[in-house]
């Protein structure tokens, strides 16, 4: 294991950046680092399991830079930065101007980001609503303030939906299957989802 434990953390971990184990049991005082730094989250998680065997209060992995007082200066991890870049790229696929009449703190804007993130975490890309790459398909999100939510549908690749190289029946069946899958994923993640229209689309509603 490549990490350091508490006495070594204080002596040799100052200014080092990586994944650390943090004990934030508030009854015992301010949060402090107990091990690290580790090169990646997996090593820190493994070490956390070892620590928990002898520490009933448990510890958790956090990315940051060690301080002389045993605390941690938290920073976004490389994985977090990569995820945020991926999420931003997905949001850029929404039709230009979809949020023109909405403030940044509007509940619908928050819902769009959360739904996009949930789909991206499931490995389901958004369809590009701005022309380039539209033929590849994906989840289509249409924010609808008047309906109090987002219309969610599935768009297949043009080979399936436009050229219908596998036939009309396959086009319909796959589209229906993927539309239901989108709804199931979002319900599993805790969103309120209603069938909309003919059943091939769904409305993800704002919280009541």
N, C-alpha and C. Protein backbone atom coordinates (compact mmCIF):
# COMPACT_ATOMS: atom_id res chain seq x y z
N UNK A 1 0.85 -1.19 0.00
CA UNK A 1 0.00 0.00 0.00
C UNK A 1 0.89 1.24 0.00
N UNK A 2 0.56 2.23 -0.87
CA UNK A 2 1.45 3.35 -1.08
C UNK A 2 1.20 4.53 -0.19
N UNK A 3 0.27 4.45 0.78
CA UNK A 3 -0.05 5.62 1.58
C UNK A 3 0.73 5.68 2.87
N UNK A 4 0.60 6.79 3.57
CA UNK A 4 1.23 6.99 4.86
C UNK A 4 0.16 6.97 5.93
N UNK A 5 0.51 6.55 7.15
CA UNK A 5 -0.44 6.61 8.23
C UNK A 5 -0.11 7.75 9.18
N UNK A 6 -0.91 7.94 10.25
CA UNK A 6 -1.03 9.26 10.87
C UNK A 6 0.30 9.92 11.28
N UNK A 7 1.19 9.19 11.95
CA UNK A 7 2.43 9.85 12.37
C UNK A 7 3.24 10.30 11.17
N UNK A 8 3.21 9.53 10.08
CA UNK A 8 3.93 9.91 8.87
C UNK A 8 3.21 11.02 8.11
N UNK A 9 1.89 11.06 8.23
CA UNK A 9 1.12 12.12 7.57
C UNK A 9 1.57 13.48 8.05
N UNK A 10 1.67 13.65 9.37
CA UNK A 10 2.03 14.94 9.94
C UNK A 10 3.47 15.29 9.58
N UNK A 11 4.35 14.29 9.61
CA UNK A 11 5.77 14.57 9.39
C UNK A 11 6.12 14.77 7.93
N UNK A 12 5.55 13.93 7.05
CA UNK A 12 5.99 13.95 5.66
C UNK A 12 4.93 14.26 4.65
N UNK A 13 3.70 14.50 5.10
CA UNK A 13 2.62 14.70 4.14
C UNK A 13 2.29 16.14 3.84
N UNK A 14 2.96 17.08 4.52
CA UNK A 14 2.64 18.50 4.34
C UNK A 14 2.94 18.92 2.90
N UNK A 15 1.93 19.54 2.27
CA UNK A 15 2.09 20.03 0.91
C UNK A 15 1.94 18.99 -0.17
N UNK A 16 1.74 17.74 0.20
CA UNK A 16 1.58 16.69 -0.81
C UNK A 16 0.11 16.58 -1.21
N UNK A 17 -0.12 16.37 -2.49
CA UNK A 17 -1.48 16.33 -3.02
C UNK A 17 -1.81 14.92 -3.50
N UNK A 18 -2.99 14.47 -3.16
CA UNK A 18 -3.45 13.14 -3.57
C UNK A 18 -4.72 12.81 -2.84
N UNK A 19 -5.02 11.51 -2.79
CA UNK A 19 -6.19 11.03 -2.05
C UNK A 19 -5.78 10.72 -0.61
N UNK A 20 -6.56 11.24 0.33
CA UNK A 20 -6.28 11.07 1.75
C UNK A 20 -7.50 10.43 2.42
N UNK A 21 -7.24 9.78 3.54
CA UNK A 21 -8.34 9.34 4.40
C UNK A 21 -8.55 10.39 5.47
N UNK A 22 -9.80 10.81 5.62
CA UNK A 22 -10.15 11.87 6.56
C UNK A 22 -11.12 11.31 7.59
N UNK A 23 -10.83 11.57 8.85
CA UNK A 23 -11.72 11.21 9.96
C UNK A 23 -12.45 12.48 10.35
N UNK A 24 -13.74 12.57 10.02
CA UNK A 24 -14.49 13.78 10.35
C UNK A 24 -15.54 13.53 11.43
N UNK A 25 -15.16 12.71 12.41
CA UNK A 25 -16.00 12.50 13.58
C UNK A 25 -16.03 13.80 14.38
N UNK A 26 -17.12 14.52 14.29
CA UNK A 26 -17.20 15.85 14.90
C UNK A 26 -17.07 15.81 16.42
N UNK A 27 -17.46 14.70 17.05
CA UNK A 27 -17.36 14.61 18.50
C UNK A 27 -15.90 14.58 18.94
N UNK A 28 -15.01 14.15 18.04
CA UNK A 28 -13.60 14.06 18.39
C UNK A 28 -12.84 15.32 18.01
N UNK A 29 -13.53 16.35 17.49
CA UNK A 29 -12.88 17.58 17.10
C UNK A 29 -12.92 17.77 15.60
N UNK A 30 -12.15 18.74 15.07
CA UNK A 30 -12.16 19.03 13.63
C UNK A 30 -11.70 17.82 12.81
N UNK A 31 -12.14 17.79 11.57
CA UNK A 31 -11.72 16.71 10.68
C UNK A 31 -10.21 16.71 10.54
N UNK A 32 -9.59 15.52 10.48
CA UNK A 32 -8.15 15.42 10.33
C UNK A 32 -7.83 14.27 9.37
N UNK A 33 -6.68 14.36 8.74
CA UNK A 33 -6.21 13.27 7.88
C UNK A 33 -5.60 12.19 8.77
N UNK A 34 -5.89 10.93 8.41
CA UNK A 34 -5.34 9.81 9.18
C UNK A 34 -4.45 8.93 8.32
N UNK A 35 -4.49 9.09 6.99
CA UNK A 35 -3.62 8.30 6.11
C UNK A 35 -3.56 8.95 4.75
N UNK A 36 -2.41 8.76 4.07
CA UNK A 36 -2.28 9.28 2.73
C UNK A 36 -0.96 10.01 2.55
N UNK A 37 -0.71 10.56 1.37
CA UNK A 37 -1.63 10.50 0.22
C UNK A 37 -1.51 9.20 -0.55
N UNK A 38 -2.62 8.83 -1.22
CA UNK A 38 -2.67 7.66 -2.08
C UNK A 38 -2.76 8.12 -3.53
N UNK A 39 -2.26 7.32 -4.47
CA UNK A 39 -2.23 7.76 -5.86
C UNK A 39 -3.59 7.83 -6.52
N UNK A 40 -4.56 7.04 -6.03
CA UNK A 40 -5.88 7.09 -6.65
C UNK A 40 -6.95 6.74 -5.63
N UNK A 41 -8.20 6.94 -6.03
CA UNK A 41 -9.34 6.72 -5.13
C UNK A 41 -9.45 5.25 -4.71
N UNK A 42 -9.11 4.33 -5.64
CA UNK A 42 -9.24 2.91 -5.34
C UNK A 42 -8.33 2.52 -4.17
N UNK A 43 -7.07 3.00 -4.18
CA UNK A 43 -6.16 2.69 -3.07
C UNK A 43 -6.67 3.29 -1.77
N UNK A 44 -7.21 4.51 -1.85
CA UNK A 44 -7.73 5.15 -0.64
C UNK A 44 -8.95 4.40 -0.11
N UNK A 45 -9.82 3.94 -1.02
CA UNK A 45 -10.99 3.17 -0.59
C UNK A 45 -10.57 1.86 0.08
N UNK A 46 -9.54 1.21 -0.49
CA UNK A 46 -9.05 -0.03 0.11
C UNK A 46 -8.52 0.23 1.51
N UNK A 47 -7.73 1.28 1.64
CA UNK A 47 -7.19 1.63 2.95
C UNK A 47 -8.29 2.02 3.92
N UNK A 48 -9.34 2.66 3.43
CA UNK A 48 -10.46 3.03 4.30
C UNK A 48 -11.11 1.79 4.89
N UNK A 49 -11.23 0.73 4.09
CA UNK A 49 -11.79 -0.51 4.59
C UNK A 49 -10.94 -1.11 5.68
N UNK A 50 -9.61 -1.04 5.52
CA UNK A 50 -8.70 -1.52 6.55
C UNK A 50 -8.85 -0.72 7.82
N UNK A 51 -8.92 0.61 7.68
CA UNK A 51 -9.06 1.48 8.84
C UNK A 51 -10.36 1.19 9.59
N UNK A 52 -11.45 0.98 8.85
CA UNK A 52 -12.75 0.81 9.49
C UNK A 52 -12.80 -0.46 10.33
N UNK A 53 -11.97 -1.45 9.98
CA UNK A 53 -11.95 -2.68 10.77
C UNK A 53 -11.55 -2.40 12.21
N UNK A 54 -10.69 -1.41 12.41
CA UNK A 54 -10.24 -1.09 13.76
C UNK A 54 -10.75 0.24 14.27
N UNK A 55 -11.53 0.93 13.46
CA UNK A 55 -12.02 2.25 13.84
C UNK A 55 -13.53 2.30 13.62
N UNK A 56 -14.34 2.14 14.67
CA UNK A 56 -15.79 2.09 14.50
C UNK A 56 -16.39 3.36 13.92
N UNK A 57 -15.69 4.50 14.06
CA UNK A 57 -16.22 5.74 13.54
C UNK A 57 -16.03 5.86 12.04
N UNK A 58 -15.07 5.13 11.49
CA UNK A 58 -14.86 5.12 10.05
C UNK A 58 -14.14 6.35 9.54
N UNK A 59 -13.68 6.23 8.30
CA UNK A 59 -12.99 7.32 7.61
C UNK A 59 -13.51 7.36 6.18
N UNK A 60 -13.19 8.44 5.46
CA UNK A 60 -13.62 8.54 4.07
C UNK A 60 -12.50 9.14 3.23
N UNK A 61 -12.42 8.76 1.94
CA UNK A 61 -11.38 9.31 1.08
C UNK A 61 -11.75 10.69 0.56
N UNK A 62 -10.78 11.61 0.57
CA UNK A 62 -10.97 12.98 0.09
C UNK A 62 -9.70 13.37 -0.66
N UNK A 63 -9.85 14.11 -1.77
CA UNK A 63 -8.70 14.57 -2.53
C UNK A 63 -8.31 15.97 -2.06
N UNK A 64 -7.01 16.18 -1.87
CA UNK A 64 -6.57 17.50 -1.46
C UNK A 64 -5.09 17.53 -1.13
N UNK A 65 -4.65 18.61 -0.47
CA UNK A 65 -3.26 18.83 -0.12
C UNK A 65 -3.12 18.84 1.40
N UNK A 66 -2.15 18.06 1.92
CA UNK A 66 -1.96 17.96 3.35
C UNK A 66 -1.45 19.25 3.97
N UNK A 67 -1.96 19.55 5.19
CA UNK A 67 -1.54 20.73 5.93
C UNK A 67 -0.73 20.32 7.15
N UNK A 68 0.05 21.25 7.67
CA UNK A 68 0.91 20.96 8.81
C UNK A 68 0.11 20.62 10.07
N UNK A 69 -1.14 21.13 10.16
CA UNK A 69 -1.94 20.87 11.36
C UNK A 69 -2.68 19.55 11.29
N UNK A 70 -2.41 18.75 10.24
CA UNK A 70 -3.09 17.47 10.10
C UNK A 70 -4.39 17.56 9.35
N UNK A 71 -4.79 18.78 8.99
CA UNK A 71 -6.00 18.96 8.20
C UNK A 71 -5.72 18.79 6.71
N UNK A 72 -6.69 19.11 5.90
CA UNK A 72 -6.57 18.90 4.47
C UNK A 72 -7.17 20.07 3.71
N UNK A 73 -6.41 20.59 2.75
CA UNK A 73 -6.94 21.59 1.84
C UNK A 73 -7.59 20.88 0.67
N UNK A 74 -8.91 20.82 0.65
CA UNK A 74 -9.63 20.04 -0.36
C UNK A 74 -9.51 20.68 -1.74
N UNK A 75 -9.39 19.84 -2.77
CA UNK A 75 -9.29 20.30 -4.15
C UNK A 75 -10.08 19.35 -5.02
N UNK A 76 -10.53 19.80 -6.20
CA UNK A 76 -11.17 18.86 -7.13
C UNK A 76 -10.14 17.84 -7.60
N UNK A 77 -10.52 16.59 -7.61
CA UNK A 77 -9.60 15.54 -8.06
C UNK A 77 -9.55 15.52 -9.58
N UNK A 78 -8.52 14.89 -10.17
CA UNK A 78 -8.49 14.74 -11.63
C UNK A 78 -9.74 14.06 -12.16
N UNK A 79 -10.25 13.08 -11.40
CA UNK A 79 -11.48 12.39 -11.83
C UNK A 79 -12.67 13.34 -11.81
N UNK A 80 -12.74 14.19 -10.77
CA UNK A 80 -13.83 15.16 -10.69
C UNK A 80 -13.77 16.15 -11.86
N UNK A 81 -12.55 16.60 -12.19
CA UNK A 81 -12.41 17.56 -13.29
C UNK A 81 -12.79 16.91 -14.62
N UNK A 82 -12.39 15.66 -14.80
CA UNK A 82 -12.74 14.95 -16.04
C UNK A 82 -14.25 14.76 -16.14
N UNK A 83 -14.88 14.45 -15.00
CA UNK A 83 -16.33 14.26 -15.00
C UNK A 83 -17.05 15.57 -15.33
N UNK A 84 -16.62 16.67 -14.72
CA UNK A 84 -17.27 17.95 -14.97
C UNK A 84 -17.10 18.38 -16.44
N UNK A 85 -15.94 18.08 -17.02
CA UNK A 85 -15.74 18.39 -18.44
C UNK A 85 -16.67 17.56 -19.31
N UNK A 86 -16.84 16.29 -18.95
CA UNK A 86 -17.75 15.42 -19.70
C UNK A 86 -19.19 15.91 -19.57
N UNK A 87 -19.58 16.27 -18.35
CA UNK A 87 -20.94 16.77 -18.13
C UNK A 87 -21.19 18.05 -18.91
N UNK A 88 -20.21 18.95 -18.93
CA UNK A 88 -20.35 20.20 -19.67
C UNK A 88 -20.51 19.92 -21.17
N UNK A 89 -19.75 18.95 -21.68
CA UNK A 89 -19.85 18.59 -23.10
C UNK A 89 -21.24 18.05 -23.42
N UNK A 90 -21.82 17.28 -22.48
CA UNK A 90 -23.18 16.77 -22.70
C UNK A 90 -24.19 17.90 -22.69
N UNK A 91 -24.05 18.83 -21.75
CA UNK A 91 -24.99 19.96 -21.67
C UNK A 91 -24.90 20.84 -22.92
N UNK A 92 -23.73 20.89 -23.53
CA UNK A 92 -23.57 21.68 -24.76
C UNK A 92 -24.36 21.10 -25.92
N UNK A 93 -24.83 19.86 -25.77
CA UNK A 93 -25.62 19.24 -26.83
C UNK A 93 -27.09 19.67 -26.79
N UNK A 94 -27.49 20.31 -25.70
CA UNK A 94 -28.87 20.82 -25.63
C UNK A 94 -29.05 21.92 -26.67
N UNK A 95 -30.27 22.10 -27.19
CA UNK A 95 -30.49 23.13 -28.21
C UNK A 95 -30.04 24.50 -27.72
N UNK A 96 -29.35 25.24 -28.57
CA UNK A 96 -28.88 26.57 -28.21
C UNK A 96 -30.06 27.44 -27.79
N UNK A 97 -29.88 28.16 -26.68
CA UNK A 97 -30.89 29.09 -26.23
C UNK A 97 -31.98 28.48 -25.36
N UNK A 98 -31.84 27.20 -25.00
CA UNK A 98 -32.91 26.57 -24.23
C UNK A 98 -33.13 27.26 -22.88
N UNK A 99 -32.06 27.90 -22.35
CA UNK A 99 -32.16 28.54 -21.03
C UNK A 99 -32.15 30.06 -21.12
N UNK A 100 -32.47 30.58 -22.32
CA UNK A 100 -32.36 32.04 -22.53
C UNK A 100 -33.26 32.82 -21.58
N UNK A 101 -34.42 32.29 -21.25
CA UNK A 101 -35.37 33.01 -20.40
C UNK A 101 -35.34 32.53 -18.95
N UNK A 102 -34.32 31.77 -18.60
CA UNK A 102 -34.24 31.21 -17.25
C UNK A 102 -33.00 31.75 -16.54
N UNK A 103 -33.12 32.01 -15.25
CA UNK A 103 -31.96 32.42 -14.47
C UNK A 103 -31.13 31.19 -14.10
N UNK A 104 -29.86 31.41 -13.75
CA UNK A 104 -28.98 30.28 -13.43
C UNK A 104 -29.46 29.47 -12.24
N UNK A 105 -30.21 30.12 -11.32
CA UNK A 105 -30.67 29.41 -10.14
C UNK A 105 -32.12 28.94 -10.27
N UNK A 106 -32.64 28.97 -11.50
CA UNK A 106 -34.00 28.47 -11.73
C UNK A 106 -34.03 26.96 -11.47
N UNK A 107 -35.11 26.50 -10.86
CA UNK A 107 -35.23 25.07 -10.53
C UNK A 107 -35.18 24.19 -11.78
N UNK A 108 -35.68 24.70 -12.90
CA UNK A 108 -35.67 23.91 -14.13
C UNK A 108 -34.24 23.72 -14.64
N UNK A 109 -33.41 24.75 -14.50
CA UNK A 109 -32.01 24.63 -14.91
C UNK A 109 -31.32 23.56 -14.07
N UNK A 110 -31.57 23.59 -12.77
CA UNK A 110 -30.99 22.58 -11.88
C UNK A 110 -31.46 21.19 -12.27
N UNK A 111 -32.74 21.05 -12.59
CA UNK A 111 -33.28 19.75 -12.98
C UNK A 111 -32.63 19.24 -14.26
N UNK A 112 -32.43 20.13 -15.23
CA UNK A 112 -31.78 19.73 -16.48
C UNK A 112 -30.38 19.19 -16.22
N UNK A 113 -29.63 19.89 -15.38
CA UNK A 113 -28.26 19.45 -15.07
C UNK A 113 -28.29 18.10 -14.36
N UNK A 114 -29.21 17.94 -13.40
CA UNK A 114 -29.28 16.69 -12.64
C UNK A 114 -29.69 15.52 -13.52
N UNK A 115 -30.65 15.73 -14.41
CA UNK A 115 -31.09 14.66 -15.31
C UNK A 115 -29.97 14.30 -16.28
N UNK A 116 -29.30 15.31 -16.83
CA UNK A 116 -28.18 15.05 -17.74
C UNK A 116 -27.09 14.25 -17.04
N UNK A 117 -26.79 14.63 -15.80
CA UNK A 117 -25.76 13.93 -15.04
C UNK A 117 -26.16 12.48 -14.78
N UNK A 118 -27.43 12.25 -14.41
CA UNK A 118 -27.89 10.89 -14.15
C UNK A 118 -27.78 10.02 -15.39
N UNK A 119 -28.15 10.56 -16.55
CA UNK A 119 -28.05 9.80 -17.79
C UNK A 119 -26.59 9.54 -18.16
N UNK A 120 -25.74 10.56 -17.99
CA UNK A 120 -24.32 10.39 -18.31
C UNK A 120 -23.67 9.35 -17.41
N UNK A 121 -24.04 9.34 -16.14
CA UNK A 121 -23.50 8.35 -15.21
C UNK A 121 -23.95 6.94 -15.58
N UNK A 122 -25.10 6.83 -16.22
CA UNK A 122 -25.58 5.52 -16.68
C UNK A 122 -24.98 5.14 -18.03
N UNK A 123 -24.16 6.04 -18.60
CA UNK A 123 -23.55 5.77 -19.90
C UNK A 123 -24.44 6.08 -21.08
N UNK A 124 -25.47 6.89 -20.86
CA UNK A 124 -26.42 7.25 -21.92
C UNK A 124 -26.15 8.68 -22.37
N UNK A 125 -25.63 8.88 -23.58
CA UNK A 125 -25.30 10.22 -24.04
C UNK A 125 -26.53 11.00 -24.46
N UNK A 126 -26.42 12.32 -24.46
CA UNK A 126 -27.48 13.16 -25.00
C UNK A 126 -27.34 13.24 -26.52
N UNK A 127 -28.47 13.33 -27.17
CA UNK A 127 -28.48 13.59 -28.60
C UNK A 127 -28.06 15.04 -28.83
N UNK A 128 -27.29 15.27 -29.88
CA UNK A 128 -26.83 16.62 -30.18
C UNK A 128 -27.97 17.39 -30.85
N UNK A 129 -28.49 18.39 -30.15
CA UNK A 129 -29.62 19.15 -30.67
C UNK A 129 -29.24 20.33 -31.51
N UNK A 130 -27.96 20.43 -31.90
CA UNK A 130 -27.50 21.61 -32.62
C UNK A 130 -26.99 21.30 -34.02
N UNK A 131 -27.37 20.15 -34.56
CA UNK A 131 -27.02 19.85 -35.94
C UNK A 131 -25.87 18.88 -36.09
N UNK A 132 -24.69 19.25 -35.60
CA UNK A 132 -23.51 18.40 -35.76
C UNK A 132 -23.66 17.13 -34.93
N UNK A 133 -23.63 16.00 -35.61
CA UNK A 133 -23.72 14.73 -34.90
C UNK A 133 -25.12 14.30 -34.54
N UNK A 134 -26.14 15.02 -35.01
CA UNK A 134 -27.52 14.67 -34.68
C UNK A 134 -27.86 13.25 -35.11
N UNK A 135 -27.24 12.80 -36.22
CA UNK A 135 -27.59 11.48 -36.76
C UNK A 135 -27.20 10.33 -35.85
N UNK A 136 -26.34 10.60 -34.85
CA UNK A 136 -25.89 9.50 -33.99
C UNK A 136 -26.90 9.13 -32.91
N UNK A 137 -27.84 10.02 -32.64
CA UNK A 137 -28.88 9.71 -31.67
C UNK A 137 -28.45 9.90 -30.22
N UNK A 138 -29.31 9.46 -29.31
CA UNK A 138 -29.08 9.60 -27.87
C UNK A 138 -30.34 10.09 -27.19
N UNK A 139 -30.22 10.42 -25.91
CA UNK A 139 -31.36 10.94 -25.16
C UNK A 139 -31.61 12.38 -25.55
N UNK A 140 -32.86 12.71 -25.83
CA UNK A 140 -33.24 14.06 -26.22
C UNK A 140 -33.98 14.72 -25.06
N UNK A 141 -33.44 15.85 -24.57
CA UNK A 141 -34.07 16.58 -23.48
C UNK A 141 -34.61 17.90 -23.99
N UNK A 142 -35.90 18.16 -23.69
CA UNK A 142 -36.53 19.42 -24.09
C UNK A 142 -37.14 20.06 -22.85
N UNK A 143 -36.45 21.05 -22.25
CA UNK A 143 -37.03 21.74 -21.10
C UNK A 143 -38.33 22.44 -21.49
N UNK A 144 -39.39 22.25 -20.69
CA UNK A 144 -40.70 22.83 -20.96
C UNK A 144 -41.21 23.53 -19.70
N UNK A 145 -40.87 24.82 -19.54
CA UNK A 145 -41.32 25.54 -18.34
C UNK A 145 -42.84 25.50 -18.16
N UNK A 146 -43.58 25.56 -19.26
CA UNK A 146 -45.05 25.57 -19.15
C UNK A 146 -45.58 24.26 -18.59
N UNK A 147 -44.84 23.17 -18.79
CA UNK A 147 -45.26 21.87 -18.27
C UNK A 147 -44.62 21.55 -16.92
N UNK A 148 -43.73 22.43 -16.49
CA UNK A 148 -43.09 22.21 -15.19
C UNK A 148 -42.11 21.06 -15.18
N UNK A 149 -41.37 20.88 -16.28
CA UNK A 149 -40.41 19.79 -16.30
C UNK A 149 -39.68 19.68 -17.63
N UNK A 150 -39.18 18.49 -17.90
CA UNK A 150 -38.39 18.21 -19.10
C UNK A 150 -39.01 17.05 -19.85
N UNK A 151 -39.23 17.23 -21.15
CA UNK A 151 -39.64 16.12 -22.00
C UNK A 151 -38.40 15.32 -22.37
N UNK A 152 -38.45 14.02 -22.12
CA UNK A 152 -37.33 13.13 -22.38
C UNK A 152 -37.75 12.06 -23.37
N UNK A 153 -37.04 11.96 -24.47
CA UNK A 153 -37.31 10.92 -25.47
C UNK A 153 -35.98 10.32 -25.90
N UNK A 154 -36.05 9.24 -26.64
CA UNK A 154 -34.86 8.59 -27.17
C UNK A 154 -34.83 8.76 -28.68
N UNK A 155 -33.69 9.20 -29.19
CA UNK A 155 -33.51 9.32 -30.63
C UNK A 155 -32.47 8.31 -31.07
N UNK A 156 -32.86 7.46 -32.01
CA UNK A 156 -31.95 6.44 -32.50
C UNK A 156 -31.05 7.00 -33.60
N UNK A 157 -30.01 6.25 -33.91
CA UNK A 157 -29.14 6.61 -35.03
C UNK A 157 -29.98 6.63 -36.31
N UNK A 158 -29.60 7.52 -37.24
CA UNK A 158 -30.33 7.63 -38.50
C UNK A 158 -30.43 6.30 -39.25
N UNK A 159 -29.44 5.44 -39.08
CA UNK A 159 -29.49 4.13 -39.75
C UNK A 159 -30.74 3.36 -39.31
N UNK A 160 -31.12 3.52 -38.03
CA UNK A 160 -32.29 2.82 -37.52
C UNK A 160 -33.58 3.59 -37.80
N UNK A 161 -33.57 4.91 -37.53
CA UNK A 161 -34.82 5.68 -37.54
C UNK A 161 -35.17 6.31 -38.89
N UNK A 162 -34.16 6.70 -39.65
CA UNK A 162 -34.42 7.36 -40.93
C UNK A 162 -34.27 6.38 -42.09
N UNK A 163 -33.13 5.73 -42.16
CA UNK A 163 -32.91 4.78 -43.26
C UNK A 163 -33.65 3.46 -43.03
N UNK A 164 -33.93 3.17 -41.75
CA UNK A 164 -34.66 1.94 -41.37
C UNK A 164 -34.05 0.71 -42.05
N UNK A 165 -32.74 0.57 -41.91
CA UNK A 165 -32.08 -0.55 -42.59
C UNK A 165 -32.45 -1.89 -41.96
N UNK A 166 -33.02 -1.87 -40.75
CA UNK A 166 -33.46 -3.11 -40.12
C UNK A 166 -34.99 -3.26 -40.16
N UNK A 167 -35.64 -2.32 -40.87
CA UNK A 167 -37.09 -2.41 -41.02
C UNK A 167 -37.84 -1.54 -40.03
N UNK A 168 -39.09 -1.23 -40.38
CA UNK A 168 -39.92 -0.35 -39.56
C UNK A 168 -40.25 -0.97 -38.21
N UNK A 169 -40.47 -2.29 -38.20
CA UNK A 169 -40.85 -2.95 -36.95
C UNK A 169 -39.71 -2.85 -35.93
N UNK A 170 -38.47 -3.08 -36.37
CA UNK A 170 -37.33 -2.98 -35.47
C UNK A 170 -37.17 -1.56 -34.97
N UNK A 171 -37.40 -0.59 -35.84
CA UNK A 171 -37.31 0.82 -35.46
C UNK A 171 -38.26 1.11 -34.31
N UNK A 172 -39.51 0.71 -34.44
CA UNK A 172 -40.52 0.98 -33.42
C UNK A 172 -40.20 0.26 -32.12
N UNK A 173 -39.83 -1.02 -32.21
CA UNK A 173 -39.59 -1.81 -31.01
C UNK A 173 -38.39 -1.31 -30.22
N UNK A 174 -37.31 -0.99 -30.94
CA UNK A 174 -36.11 -0.50 -30.24
C UNK A 174 -36.38 0.86 -29.63
N UNK A 175 -37.09 1.72 -30.37
CA UNK A 175 -37.41 3.04 -29.83
C UNK A 175 -38.24 2.94 -28.56
N UNK A 176 -39.25 2.07 -28.58
CA UNK A 176 -40.09 1.89 -27.39
C UNK A 176 -39.27 1.35 -26.22
N UNK A 177 -38.40 0.39 -26.51
CA UNK A 177 -37.58 -0.21 -25.46
C UNK A 177 -36.66 0.82 -24.82
N UNK A 178 -35.99 1.62 -25.65
CA UNK A 178 -35.07 2.61 -25.12
C UNK A 178 -35.79 3.73 -24.38
N UNK A 179 -36.99 4.09 -24.83
CA UNK A 179 -37.77 5.12 -24.13
C UNK A 179 -38.14 4.64 -22.73
N UNK A 180 -38.55 3.38 -22.63
CA UNK A 180 -38.86 2.83 -21.30
C UNK A 180 -37.62 2.74 -20.43
N UNK A 181 -36.50 2.38 -21.06
CA UNK A 181 -35.25 2.28 -20.29
C UNK A 181 -34.84 3.64 -19.72
N UNK A 182 -34.97 4.70 -20.53
CA UNK A 182 -34.67 6.04 -20.02
C UNK A 182 -35.52 6.36 -18.79
N UNK A 183 -36.81 6.10 -18.90
CA UNK A 183 -37.72 6.39 -17.78
C UNK A 183 -37.35 5.56 -16.56
N UNK A 184 -37.02 4.29 -16.75
CA UNK A 184 -36.67 3.43 -15.62
C UNK A 184 -35.40 3.91 -14.92
N UNK A 185 -34.40 4.31 -15.70
CA UNK A 185 -33.16 4.81 -15.12
C UNK A 185 -33.43 6.05 -14.28
N UNK A 186 -34.23 6.97 -14.80
CA UNK A 186 -34.50 8.21 -14.07
C UNK A 186 -35.36 7.96 -12.83
N UNK A 187 -36.32 7.05 -12.92
CA UNK A 187 -37.11 6.71 -11.72
C UNK A 187 -36.21 6.08 -10.66
N UNK A 188 -35.31 5.20 -11.10
CA UNK A 188 -34.39 4.56 -10.16
C UNK A 188 -33.53 5.59 -9.45
N UNK A 189 -33.19 6.67 -10.14
CA UNK A 189 -32.38 7.73 -9.55
C UNK A 189 -33.21 8.71 -8.72
N UNK A 190 -34.51 8.47 -8.60
CA UNK A 190 -35.32 9.27 -7.70
C UNK A 190 -36.09 10.40 -8.33
N UNK A 191 -36.11 10.49 -9.67
CA UNK A 191 -36.87 11.55 -10.34
C UNK A 191 -38.33 11.15 -10.50
N UNK A 192 -39.21 12.16 -10.50
CA UNK A 192 -40.63 11.94 -10.76
C UNK A 192 -40.83 11.93 -12.27
N UNK A 193 -41.26 10.79 -12.81
CA UNK A 193 -41.36 10.60 -14.26
C UNK A 193 -42.77 10.15 -14.62
N UNK A 194 -43.41 10.87 -15.55
CA UNK A 194 -44.74 10.52 -16.05
C UNK A 194 -44.68 10.25 -17.54
N UNK A 195 -45.51 9.31 -17.99
CA UNK A 195 -45.64 9.07 -19.43
C UNK A 195 -46.28 10.30 -20.07
N UNK A 196 -45.80 10.65 -21.26
CA UNK A 196 -46.30 11.84 -21.94
C UNK A 196 -46.69 11.50 -23.37
N UNK A 197 -47.83 12.02 -23.80
CA UNK A 197 -48.26 11.82 -25.18
C UNK A 197 -48.59 10.37 -25.48
N UNK A 198 -48.04 9.85 -26.58
CA UNK A 198 -48.37 8.50 -27.02
C UNK A 198 -47.69 7.42 -26.21
N UNK A 199 -46.79 7.81 -25.28
CA UNK A 199 -46.09 6.83 -24.47
C UNK A 199 -44.63 6.69 -24.83
N UNK A 200 -44.21 7.27 -25.95
CA UNK A 200 -42.81 7.20 -26.35
C UNK A 200 -41.96 8.29 -25.70
N UNK A 201 -42.62 9.25 -25.06
CA UNK A 201 -41.90 10.30 -24.36
C UNK A 201 -42.30 10.30 -22.90
N UNK A 202 -41.49 10.97 -22.09
CA UNK A 202 -41.78 11.05 -20.66
C UNK A 202 -41.51 12.47 -20.18
N UNK A 203 -42.25 12.88 -19.16
CA UNK A 203 -42.08 14.18 -18.54
C UNK A 203 -41.44 13.99 -17.18
N UNK A 204 -40.22 14.53 -17.03
CA UNK A 204 -39.56 14.53 -15.74
C UNK A 204 -39.94 15.82 -15.05
N UNK A 205 -40.65 15.72 -13.96
CA UNK A 205 -41.25 16.88 -13.32
C UNK A 205 -40.36 17.51 -12.25
N UNK A 206 -40.52 18.81 -12.07
CA UNK A 206 -39.91 19.50 -10.96
C UNK A 206 -40.47 18.98 -9.66
N UNK A 207 -39.69 18.98 -8.57
CA UNK A 207 -40.22 18.56 -7.28
C UNK A 207 -41.42 19.43 -6.88
N UNK A 208 -42.41 18.79 -6.27
CA UNK A 208 -43.60 19.54 -5.84
C UNK A 208 -43.26 20.51 -4.71
